[in-house]
Amino acid sequence: MELISTTLSTIKRHRIQFSISWVICLVTLFILTSLGMLKLVLNQLNSSTQIPLFTTKEIQQLQQYYSERLTASAIGLFILLLIFFGIRIHRQRKSAVSMRQLIYSTGLEFFLGLMVASICLILLYTLFEPAFESILQSFYHQGLNQLKELPNFRLSNGSSGIAYSVRSSLSFELSSTTMLDLFFSSLFKSIIFICACLCLLIGCSRLIYFGSIKKNVR
């Protein structure tokens, strides 16, 4: 209870910093969720009962493209969290609370910010689903542009039949319910990743703190 009350009082005193932290989490969640969602969309399109829009090689190339950007975004997020977490600890280390309590309080504050960001992203997706899908479509086309020999159409019988556009809208290929399921699946994975990063930061901060105490005692 003391930790929660300390965290809430810190948030009240530093509302701007808390707002910055959850906005950063919101942007990060959006990027990670969008890239992760695109990977799931590719798997969904590839397993469709209709004509496959991509060959196995093309799917691998697209998956690699999105995986590289997802990995880069994840590394960038961890570095950003590390810097922001360190700044918050450094600015509040002269406060009356102990360093141990400060580490846990700052970590809890970040978790609360992540919770607020998750709720906001869900609301934004629900209220502005067409806008979200248009942004997702833009990321999707960027990946398609990396394939140099990708045709604009695939024929249902190989060399004849009904032509299916490779660059058609995702909302045309996948239902709204399917897109919503993919969104929540990707969002859940993104939240788990950020929580793991925060736990790692808290654990490393504790180790550094106790290591400095032992060094000072000697």
C-alpha atoms as a PDB file:
ATOM      1  CA  MET A   1       0.000   0.000   0.000  1.00  0.00           C
ATOM      2  CA  GLU A   2       2.835   2.360   0.826  1.00  0.00           C
ATOM      3  CA  LEU A   3       4.403   1.746  -2.576  1.00  0.00           C
ATOM      4  CA  ILE A   4       1.105   2.441  -4.349  1.00  0.00           C
ATOM      5  CA  SER A   5       0.466   5.643  -2.366  1.00  0.00           C
ATOM      6  CA  THR A   6       4.023   6.826  -3.040  1.00  0.00           C
ATOM      7  CA  THR A   7       3.628   6.144  -6.759  1.00  0.00           C
ATOM      8  CA  LEU A   8       0.276   7.934  -6.969  1.00  0.00           C
ATOM      9  CA  SER A   9       1.615  10.972  -5.113  1.00  0.00           C
ATOM     10  CA  THR A  10       4.614  11.052  -7.466  1.00  0.00           C
ATOM     11  CA  ILE A  11       2.287  10.960 -10.469  1.00  0.00           C
ATOM     12  CA  LYS A  12       0.271  13.868  -9.056  1.00  0.00           C
ATOM     13  CA  ARG A  13       3.434  15.922  -8.512  1.00  0.00           C
ATOM     14  CA  HIS A  14       4.922  15.066 -11.909  1.00  0.00           C
ATOM     15  CA  ARG A  15       1.892  14.850 -14.191  1.00  0.00           C
ATOM     16  CA  ILE A  16       3.769  16.089 -17.246  1.00  0.00           C
ATOM     17  CA  GLN A  17       6.452  13.422 -16.891  1.00  0.00           C
ATOM     18  CA  PHE A  18       3.807  10.738 -16.431  1.00  0.00           C
ATOM     19  CA  SER A  19       1.960  12.004 -19.505  1.00  0.00           C
ATOM     20  CA  ILE A  20       5.183  11.833 -21.514  1.00  0.00           C
ATOM     21  CA  SER A  21       5.832   8.280 -20.322  1.00  0.00           C
ATOM     22  CA  TRP A  22       2.418   6.914 -21.298  1.00  0.00           C
ATOM     23  CA  VAL A  23       2.462   8.766 -24.636  1.00  0.00           C
ATOM     24  CA  ILE A  24       5.832   7.129 -25.369  1.00  0.00           C
ATOM     25  CA  CYS A  25       4.296   3.779 -24.432  1.00  0.00           C
ATOM     26  CA  LEU A  26       1.322   4.518 -26.695  1.00  0.00           C
ATOM     27  CA  VAL A  27       3.513   5.292 -29.713  1.00  0.00           C
ATOM     28  CA  THR A  28       5.675   2.258 -29.022  1.00  0.00           C
ATOM     29  CA  LEU A  29       2.655   0.003 -28.624  1.00  0.00           C
ATOM     30  CA  PHE A  30       1.258   1.291 -31.899  1.00  0.00           C
ATOM     31  CA  ILE A  31       4.486   0.577 -33.801  1.00  0.00           C
ATOM     32  CA  LEU A  32       5.065  -2.872 -32.282  1.00  0.00           C
ATOM     33  CA  THR A  33       1.410  -3.854 -32.623  1.00  0.00           C
ATOM     34  CA  SER A  34       1.231  -2.702 -36.253  1.00  0.00           C
ATOM     35  CA  LEU A  35       4.383  -4.556 -37.320  1.00  0.00           C
ATOM     36  CA  GLY A  36       3.402  -7.662 -35.384  1.00  0.00           C
ATOM     37  CA  MET A  37      -0.084  -7.476 -36.856  1.00  0.00           C
ATOM     38  CA  LEU A  38       1.338  -7.357 -40.390  1.00  0.00           C
ATOM     39  CA  LYS A  39       3.217 -10.599 -39.766  1.00  0.00           C
ATOM     40  CA  LEU A  40      -0.006 -12.223 -38.597  1.00  0.00           C
ATOM     41  CA  VAL A  41      -1.856 -10.792 -41.612  1.00  0.00           C
ATOM     42  CA  LEU A  42       0.676 -12.401 -43.961  1.00  0.00           C
ATOM     43  CA  ASN A  43       0.168 -15.774 -42.303  1.00  0.00           C
ATOM     44  CA  GLN A  44      -3.580 -15.312 -42.572  1.00  0.00           C
ATOM     45  CA  LEU A  45      -3.401 -14.407 -46.266  1.00  0.00           C
ATOM     46  CA  ASN A  46      -1.074 -17.306 -46.992  1.00  0.00           C
ATOM     47  CA  SER A  47      -3.429 -19.816 -45.338  1.00  0.00           C
ATOM     48  CA  SER A  48      -6.505 -18.398 -47.056  1.00  0.00           C
ATOM     49  CA  THR A  49      -8.827 -20.836 -48.803  1.00  0.00           C
ATOM     50  CA  GLN A  50      -8.726 -18.600 -51.883  1.00  0.00           C
ATOM     51  CA  ILE A  51      -5.815 -18.414 -54.302  1.00  0.00           C
ATOM     52  CA  PRO A  52      -2.500 -17.726 -52.493  1.00  0.00           C
ATOM     53  CA  LEU A  53      -1.473 -14.156 -53.219  1.00  0.00           C
ATOM     54  CA  PHE A  54       2.217 -14.810 -52.530  1.00  0.00           C
ATOM     55  CA  THR A  55       4.705 -17.573 -53.152  1.00  0.00           C
ATOM     56  CA  THR A  56       6.583 -19.169 -50.271  1.00  0.00           C
ATOM     57  CA  LYS A  57       9.715 -17.191 -51.142  1.00  0.00           C
ATOM     58  CA  GLU A  58       7.776 -13.914 -51.232  1.00  0.00           C
ATOM     59  CA  ILE A  59       6.193 -14.668 -47.853  1.00  0.00           C
ATOM     60  CA  GLN A  60       9.643 -15.344 -46.383  1.00  0.00           C
ATOM     61  CA  GLN A  61      10.997 -12.081 -47.792  1.00  0.00           C
ATOM     62  CA  LEU A  62       8.065 -10.085 -46.424  1.00  0.00           C
ATOM     63  CA  GLN A  63       8.283 -11.794 -43.036  1.00  0.00           C
ATOM     64  CA  GLN A  64      11.994 -11.013 -42.902  1.00  0.00           C
ATOM     65  CA  TYR A  65      11.333  -7.375 -43.829  1.00  0.00           C
ATOM     66  CA  TYR A  66       8.770  -6.889 -41.072  1.00  0.00           C
ATOM     67  CA  SER A  67      10.804  -8.939 -38.576  1.00  0.00           C
ATOM     68  CA  GLU A  68      13.854  -6.730 -39.091  1.00  0.00           C
ATOM     69  CA  ARG A  69      11.816  -3.595 -38.472  1.00  0.00           C
ATOM     70  CA  LEU A  70      10.081  -5.182 -35.500  1.00  0.00           C
ATOM     71  CA  THR A  71      13.451  -6.120 -33.995  1.00  0.00           C
ATOM     72  CA  ALA A  72      14.860  -2.631 -34.622  1.00  0.00           C
ATOM     73  CA  SER A  73      11.777  -1.076 -33.017  1.00  0.00           C
ATOM     74  CA  ALA A  74      12.066  -3.403 -30.019  1.00  0.00           C
ATOM     75  CA  ILE A  75      15.748  -2.535 -29.511  1.00  0.00           C
ATOM     76  CA  GLY A  76      14.980   1.165 -29.882  1.00  0.00           C
ATOM     77  CA  LEU A  77      12.184   0.834 -27.333  1.00  0.00           C
ATOM     78  CA  PHE A  78      14.455  -0.849 -24.796  1.00  0.00           C
ATOM     79  CA  ILE A  79      17.104   1.857 -25.192  1.00  0.00           C
ATOM     80  CA  LEU A  80      14.445   4.569 -24.850  1.00  0.00           C
ATOM     81  CA  LEU A  81      13.020   2.927 -21.723  1.00  0.00           C
ATOM     82  CA  LEU A  82      16.519   2.568 -20.284  1.00  0.00           C
ATOM     83  CA  ILE A  83      17.282   6.262 -20.805  1.00  0.00           C
ATOM     84  CA  PHE A  84      13.911   7.490 -19.535  1.00  0.00           C
ATOM     85  CA  PHE A  85      13.991   5.114 -16.543  1.00  0.00           C
ATOM     86  CA  GLY A  86      17.507   6.259 -15.636  1.00  0.00           C
ATOM     87  CA  ILE A  87      16.546   9.935 -15.917  1.00  0.00           C
ATOM     88  CA  ARG A  88      13.542   9.440 -13.627  1.00  0.00           C
ATOM     89  CA  ILE A  89      15.665   7.638 -11.024  1.00  0.00           C
ATOM     90  CA  HIS A  90      18.407  10.273 -11.193  1.00  0.00           C
ATOM     91  CA  ARG A  91      15.999  13.206 -10.783  1.00  0.00           C
ATOM     92  CA  GLN A  92      14.215  11.704  -7.782  1.00  0.00           C
ATOM     93  CA  ARG A  93      17.144  10.097  -5.975  1.00  0.00           C
ATOM     94  CA  LYS A  94      17.377  13.068  -3.577  1.00  0.00           C
ATOM     95  CA  SER A  95      13.800  12.552  -2.394  1.00  0.00           C
ATOM     96  CA  ALA A  96      12.946  11.261   1.046  1.00  0.00           C
ATOM     97  CA  VAL A  97      12.146   7.712  -0.082  1.00  0.00           C
ATOM     98  CA  SER A  98      14.845   5.057  -0.171  1.00  0.00           C
ATOM     99  CA  MET A  99      16.529   4.108  -3.429  1.00  0.00           C
ATOM    100  CA  ARG A 100      14.938   0.664  -3.309  1.00  0.00           C
ATOM    101  CA  GLN A 101      11.460   2.141  -2.941  1.00  0.00           C
ATOM    102  CA  LEU A 102      12.246   4.685  -5.650  1.00  0.00           C
ATOM    103  CA  ILE A 103      13.146   1.927  -8.122  1.00  0.00           C
ATOM    104  CA  TYR A 104       9.937   0.015  -7.450  1.00  0.00           C
ATOM    105  CA  SER A 105       7.849   3.195  -7.459  1.00  0.00           C
ATOM    106  CA  THR A 106       9.261   4.277 -10.825  1.00  0.00           C
ATOM    107  CA  GLY A 107       8.699   0.798 -12.229  1.00  0.00           C
ATOM    108  CA  LEU A 108       5.097   0.779 -11.007  1.00  0.00           C
ATOM    109  CA  GLU A 109       4.598   4.217 -12.557  1.00  0.00           C
ATOM    110  CA  PHE A 110       5.763   2.864 -15.919  1.00  0.00           C
ATOM    111  CA  PHE A 111       3.414  -0.116 -15.590  1.00  0.00           C
ATOM    112  CA  LEU A 112       0.510   2.253 -14.914  1.00  0.00           C
ATOM    113  CA  GLY A 113       1.550   4.302 -17.946  1.00  0.00           C
ATOM    114  CA  LEU A 114       1.594   1.128 -20.040  1.00  0.00           C
ATOM    115  CA  MET A 115      -1.908   0.283 -18.815  1.00  0.00           C
ATOM    116  CA  VAL A 116      -3.195   3.743 -19.763  1.00  0.00           C
ATOM    117  CA  ALA A 117      -1.493   3.497 -23.177  1.00  0.00           C
ATOM    118  CA  SER A 118      -3.020   0.057 -23.825  1.00  0.00           C
ATOM    119  CA  ILE A 119      -6.529   1.291 -23.029  1.00  0.00           C
ATOM    120  CA  CYS A 120      -6.021   4.360 -25.236  1.00  0.00           C
ATOM    121  CA  LEU A 121      -4.789   2.261 -28.168  1.00  0.00           C
ATOM    122  CA  ILE A 122      -7.786  -0.074 -27.887  1.00  0.00           C
ATOM    123  CA  LEU A 123     -10.149   2.909 -27.814  1.00  0.00           C
ATOM    124  CA  LEU A 124      -8.385   4.528 -30.772  1.00  0.00           C
ATOM    125  CA  TYR A 125      -8.608   1.321 -32.795  1.00  0.00           C
ATOM    126  CA  THR A 126     -12.287   0.913 -31.921  1.00  0.00           C
ATOM    127  CA  LEU A 127     -13.219   4.510 -32.728  1.00  0.00           C
ATOM    128  CA  PHE A 128     -10.933   5.027 -35.725  1.00  0.00           C
ATOM    129  CA  GLU A 129     -10.638   1.545 -37.218  1.00  0.00           C
ATOM    130  CA  PRO A 130     -10.631   2.778 -40.867  1.00  0.00           C
ATOM    131  CA  ALA A 131      -7.785   5.212 -40.125  1.00  0.00           C
ATOM    132  CA  PHE A 132      -5.803   2.487 -38.336  1.00  0.00           C
ATOM    133  CA  GLU A 133      -6.289   0.101 -41.247  1.00  0.00           C
ATOM    134  CA  SER A 134      -5.188   2.765 -43.738  1.00  0.00           C
ATOM    135  CA  ILE A 135      -1.944   3.241 -41.787  1.00  0.00           C
ATOM    136  CA  LEU A 136      -1.529  -0.527 -41.649  1.00  0.00           C
ATOM    137  CA  GLN A 137      -2.176  -0.651 -45.384  1.00  0.00           C
ATOM    138  CA  SER A 138       0.604   1.893 -45.922  1.00  0.00           C
ATOM    139  CA  PHE A 139       3.081  -0.253 -43.945  1.00  0.00           C
ATOM    140  CA  TYR A 140       1.861  -3.279 -45.892  1.00  0.00           C
ATOM    141  CA  HIS A 141       2.524  -1.623 -49.259  1.00  0.00           C
ATOM    142  CA  GLN A 142       5.989  -0.539 -48.113  1.00  0.00           C
ATOM    143  CA  GLY A 143       6.786  -4.204 -47.599  1.00  0.00           C
ATOM    144  CA  LEU A 144       5.358  -5.125 -51.000  1.00  0.00           C
ATOM    145  CA  ASN A 145       7.523  -2.463 -52.640  1.00  0.00           C
ATOM    146  CA  GLN A 146      10.602  -4.369 -51.456  1.00  0.00           C
ATOM    147  CA  LEU A 147       9.711  -7.266 -53.776  1.00  0.00           C
ATOM    148  CA  LYS A 148      11.139  -6.313 -57.164  1.00  0.00           C
ATOM    149  CA  GLU A 149       9.388  -8.936 -59.315  1.00  0.00           C
ATOM    150  CA  LEU A 150       6.021  -8.963 -57.571  1.00  0.00           C
ATOM    151  CA  PRO A 151       3.140  -8.953 -60.121  1.00  0.00           C
ATOM    152  CA  ASN A 152       0.077  -6.801 -59.622  1.00  0.00           C
ATOM    153  CA  PHE A 153      -2.304  -9.760 -60.042  1.00  0.00           C
ATOM    154  CA  ARG A 154      -2.443 -13.508 -59.426  1.00  0.00           C
ATOM    155  CA  LEU A 155      -4.619 -15.715 -61.628  1.00  0.00           C
ATOM    156  CA  SER A 156      -6.778 -18.371 -59.978  1.00  0.00           C
ATOM    157  CA  ASN A 157      -5.712 -21.125 -62.426  1.00  0.00           C
ATOM    158  CA  GLY A 158      -2.087 -20.132 -62.758  1.00  0.00           C
ATOM    159  CA  SER A 159      -2.184 -18.786 -66.316  1.00  0.00           C
ATOM    160  CA  SER A 160      -5.920 -18.108 -66.607  1.00  0.00           C
ATOM    161  CA  GLY A 161      -9.049 -17.584 -64.552  1.00  0.00           C
ATOM    162  CA  ILE A 162     -10.086 -14.869 -62.117  1.00  0.00           C
ATOM    163  CA  ALA A 163      -7.464 -12.204 -61.397  1.00  0.00           C
ATOM    164  CA  TYR A 164      -6.832 -11.337 -57.739  1.00  0.00           C
ATOM    165  CA  SER A 165      -5.069  -8.064 -56.988  1.00  0.00           C
ATOM    166  CA  VAL A 166      -1.961  -8.469 -54.837  1.00  0.00           C
ATOM    167  CA  ARG A 167      -2.252  -4.872 -53.625  1.00  0.00           C
ATOM    168  CA  SER A 168      -5.925  -4.998 -52.732  1.00  0.00           C
ATOM    169  CA  SER A 169      -7.140  -3.545 -49.446  1.00  0.00           C
ATOM    170  CA  LEU A 170      -6.584  -5.649 -46.336  1.00  0.00           C
ATOM    171  CA  SER A 171     -10.191  -5.008 -45.317  1.00  0.00           C
ATOM    172  CA  PHE A 172     -11.237  -6.650 -48.593  1.00  0.00           C
ATOM    173  CA  GLU A 173      -9.112  -9.744 -48.009  1.00  0.00           C
ATOM    174  CA  LEU A 174      -9.834 -10.112 -44.273  1.00  0.00           C
ATOM    175  CA  SER A 175     -13.024  -9.536 -42.325  1.00  0.00           C
ATOM    176  CA  SER A 176     -13.317  -6.905 -39.608  1.00  0.00           C
ATOM    177  CA  THR A 177     -13.611  -9.632 -36.963  1.00  0.00           C
ATOM    178  CA  THR A 178     -10.405 -11.291 -38.164  1.00  0.00           C
ATOM    179  CA  MET A 179      -8.563  -7.967 -38.141  1.00  0.00           C
ATOM    180  CA  LEU A 180      -9.784  -7.319 -34.593  1.00  0.00           C
ATOM    181  CA  ASP A 181      -8.556 -10.738 -33.452  1.00  0.00           C
ATOM    182  CA  LEU A 182      -5.159 -10.111 -35.045  1.00  0.00           C
ATOM    183  CA  PHE A 183      -5.006  -6.677 -33.413  1.00  0.00           C
ATOM    184  CA  PHE A 184      -5.595  -8.020 -29.900  1.00  0.00           C
ATOM    185  CA  SER A 185      -3.195 -10.910 -30.451  1.00  0.00           C
ATOM    186  CA  SER A 186      -0.432  -8.552 -31.575  1.00  0.00           C
ATOM    187  CA  LEU A 187      -1.244  -6.027 -28.832  1.00  0.00           C
ATOM    188  CA  PHE A 188      -1.017  -8.728 -26.160  1.00  0.00           C
ATOM    189  CA  LYS A 189       2.426  -9.799 -27.411  1.00  0.00           C
ATOM    190  CA  SER A 190       3.599  -6.167 -27.448  1.00  0.00           C
ATOM    191  CA  ILE A 191       2.399  -5.619 -23.868  1.00  0.00           C
ATOM    192  CA  ILE A 192       4.165  -8.791 -22.715  1.00  0.00           C
ATOM    193  CA  PHE A 193       7.394  -7.615 -24.362  1.00  0.00           C
ATOM    194  CA  ILE A 194       7.250  -4.156 -22.758  1.00  0.00           C
ATOM    195  CA  CYS A 195       6.442  -5.695 -19.356  1.00  0.00           C
ATOM    196  CA  ALA A 196       9.458  -7.990 -19.733  1.00  0.00           C
ATOM    197  CA  CYS A 197      11.647  -4.967 -20.563  1.00  0.00           C
ATOM    198  CA  LEU A 198      10.379  -3.106 -17.493  1.00  0.00           C
ATOM    199  CA  CYS A 199      10.985  -6.118 -15.238  1.00  0.00           C
ATOM    200  CA  LEU A 200      14.506  -6.397 -16.655  1.00  0.00           C
ATOM    201  CA  LEU A 201      15.147  -2.696 -15.988  1.00  0.00           C
ATOM    202  CA  ILE A 202      13.875  -2.975 -12.418  1.00  0.00           C
ATOM    203  CA  GLY A 203      15.990  -6.071 -11.793  1.00  0.00           C
ATOM    204  CA  CYS A 204      19.133  -4.500 -13.279  1.00  0.00           C
ATOM    205  CA  SER A 205      18.566  -1.304 -11.276  1.00  0.00           C
ATOM    206  CA  ARG A 206      18.313  -3.336  -8.079  1.00  0.00           C
ATOM    207  CA  LEU A 207      21.521  -5.223  -8.875  1.00  0.00           C
ATOM    208  CA  ILE A 208      23.374  -1.975  -9.592  1.00  0.00           C
ATOM    209  CA  TYR A 209      22.024  -0.420  -6.385  1.00  0.00           C
ATOM    210  CA  PHE A 210      22.976  -3.357  -4.150  1.00  0.00           C
ATOM    211  CA  GLY A 211      26.327  -3.610  -5.908  1.00  0.00           C
ATOM    212  CA  SER A 212      27.076   0.038  -5.128  1.00  0.00           C
ATOM    213  CA  ILE A 213      26.069  -0.503  -1.478  1.00  0.00           C
ATOM    214  CA  LYS A 214      28.462  -3.440  -1.096  1.00  0.00           C
ATOM    215  CA  LYS A 215      31.213  -1.412  -2.752  1.00  0.00           C
ATOM    216  CA  ASN A 216      30.687   1.497  -0.344  1.00  0.00           C
ATOM    217  CA  VAL A 217      30.679  -0.849   2.662  1.00  0.00           C
ATOM    218  CA  ARG A 218      34.053  -2.246   1.660  1.00  0.00           C
END
